[in-house]
Amino acid sequence: MEEVFPVNGFAIVKNDEEYTIEWPQGPFDQVISYPITKELADKALKSSQDAHEVKIYARTGQWPVKNTEEEEREQTRKFIKKFPELLIKVPDNQDLFTEEELKELLPLGEKNFSEEK
């Protein structure tokens, strides 16, 4: 007997003890379907983030790469270096940099910040 568990944007279909994940794709919303395990079906039903990861895994056979905390910190640092006025607008951002880096970045941030006004 087939059971369908519809969720926002996708569905888990259970047929006997076999599971698939299905969702519409493409310009005509053609439904695509991938076989998955019960464990993956349970994971997909936990949250939209988990469902997104299961869909990627079902389609590619690989889990999406998650940034580590250190990688995210470095990405934030790079972004702030491009827009140093964020050191003035959000002083907590200064905690991401050494004193030496701040000596270089703060004057640029103050200049950019004053030009915005």
Protein backbone atom coordinates (compact mmCIF):
# COMPACT_ATOMS: atom_id res chain seq x y z
CA MET A 1 0.00 0.00 0.00
CA GLU A 2 1.34 3.41 -0.96
CA GLU A 3 1.52 6.22 1.59
CA VAL A 4 2.34 9.79 0.63
CA PHE A 5 3.75 12.29 3.13
CA PRO A 6 3.39 15.70 1.45
CA VAL A 7 5.62 18.45 2.78
CA ASN A 8 6.24 21.99 1.59
CA GLY A 9 7.82 21.58 -1.86
CA PHE A 10 8.37 17.82 -1.82
CA ALA A 11 6.85 14.51 -0.80
CA ILE A 12 8.06 11.28 0.71
CA VAL A 13 6.35 8.25 -0.79
CA LYS A 14 6.36 4.92 1.02
CA ASN A 15 5.42 1.85 -1.00
CA ASP A 16 5.63 -1.27 1.15
CA GLU A 17 9.09 -0.78 2.71
CA GLU A 18 10.58 1.27 -0.14
CA TYR A 19 10.83 5.04 0.04
CA THR A 20 11.24 7.75 -2.58
CA ILE A 21 11.59 11.49 -2.35
CA GLU A 22 9.79 13.48 -5.04
CA TRP A 23 9.57 17.12 -6.01
CA PRO A 24 8.59 19.22 -9.03
CA GLN A 25 11.43 20.54 -11.14
CA GLY A 26 11.94 22.41 -14.38
CA PRO A 27 9.79 24.87 -16.29
CA PHE A 28 6.81 22.51 -16.36
CA ASP A 29 7.15 21.30 -12.76
CA GLN A 30 7.80 17.73 -13.88
CA VAL A 31 7.92 15.50 -10.82
CA ILE A 32 11.26 13.80 -10.32
CA SER A 33 11.67 10.88 -7.95
CA TYR A 34 14.68 9.29 -6.24
CA PRO A 35 14.79 6.15 -4.12
CA ILE A 36 15.94 6.74 -0.55
CA THR A 37 16.27 4.77 2.67
CA LYS A 38 13.88 4.97 5.60
CA GLU A 39 16.59 6.83 7.55
CA LEU A 40 16.84 9.47 4.81
CA ALA A 41 13.05 9.75 4.67
CA ASP A 42 12.96 10.35 8.43
CA LYS A 43 15.73 12.94 8.13
CA ALA A 44 13.94 14.77 5.30
CA LEU A 45 10.81 15.08 7.42
CA LYS A 46 12.68 16.70 10.35
CA SER A 47 13.25 20.16 8.87
CA SER A 48 13.44 22.07 5.61
CA GLN A 49 17.25 22.17 5.91
CA ASP A 50 17.40 18.40 6.36
CA ALA A 51 15.04 17.94 3.41
CA HIS A 52 17.25 20.14 1.25
CA GLU A 53 20.30 18.07 2.18
CA VAL A 54 18.51 14.77 1.48
CA LYS A 55 17.35 16.06 -1.93
CA ILE A 56 20.94 16.99 -2.83
CA TYR A 57 22.19 13.62 -1.63
CA ALA A 58 19.48 11.74 -3.53
CA ARG A 59 20.27 13.65 -6.73
CA THR A 60 24.09 13.63 -6.56
CA GLY A 61 25.09 10.88 -4.16
CA GLN A 62 27.04 13.43 -2.11
CA TRP A 63 26.14 15.44 0.97
CA PRO A 64 26.30 19.22 0.60
CA VAL A 65 29.44 20.78 1.97
CA LYS A 66 28.88 22.64 5.21
CA ASN A 67 31.14 25.49 6.15
CA THR A 68 32.94 25.08 9.41
CA GLU A 69 32.75 27.86 11.97
CA GLU A 70 36.31 28.87 11.06
CA GLU A 71 35.45 29.06 7.34
CA GLU A 72 32.42 31.22 8.06
CA ARG A 73 34.53 33.48 10.26
CA GLU A 74 37.09 33.88 7.46
CA GLN A 75 34.36 34.64 4.91
CA THR A 76 33.00 37.33 7.24
CA ARG A 77 36.49 38.80 7.66
CA LYS A 78 36.97 38.96 3.88
CA PHE A 79 33.62 40.68 3.45
CA ILE A 80 34.36 43.26 6.14
CA LYS A 81 37.78 43.95 4.58
CA LYS A 82 35.90 44.94 1.39
CA PHE A 83 33.50 47.11 3.40
CA PRO A 84 35.51 48.32 6.43
CA GLU A 85 32.79 50.82 7.35
CA LEU A 86 31.07 47.79 8.91
CA LEU A 87 33.68 48.04 11.66
CA ILE A 88 32.21 51.42 12.54
CA LYS A 89 28.54 50.55 12.01
CA VAL A 90 28.80 47.27 13.94
CA PRO A 91 31.62 47.62 16.49
CA ASP A 92 31.37 43.93 17.47
CA ASN A 93 32.93 43.14 14.06
CA GLN A 94 36.20 44.52 15.42
CA ASP A 95 36.53 41.35 17.51
CA LEU A 96 37.28 39.45 14.29
CA PHE A 97 40.55 41.30 13.72
CA THR A 98 43.89 41.79 15.45
CA GLU A 99 44.95 45.21 16.69
CA GLU A 100 47.39 45.47 13.81
CA GLU A 101 44.65 44.74 11.27
CA LEU A 102 42.36 47.26 12.93
CA LYS A 103 45.02 49.99 12.67
CA GLU A 104 44.87 49.51 8.92
CA LEU A 105 41.13 48.94 8.51
CA LEU A 106 39.57 51.45 10.91
CA PRO A 107 40.81 54.57 9.09
CA LEU A 108 39.41 53.18 5.84
CA GLY A 109 36.15 52.34 7.57
CA GLU A 110 35.87 55.83 9.08
CA LYS A 111 36.54 57.39 5.66
CA ASN A 112 33.92 55.23 3.92
CA PHE A 113 31.44 55.79 6.74
CA SER A 114 31.81 59.58 6.59
CA GLU A 115 31.41 59.54 2.78
CA GLU A 116 28.05 57.75 3.15
CA LYS A 117 26.55 60.59 5.17
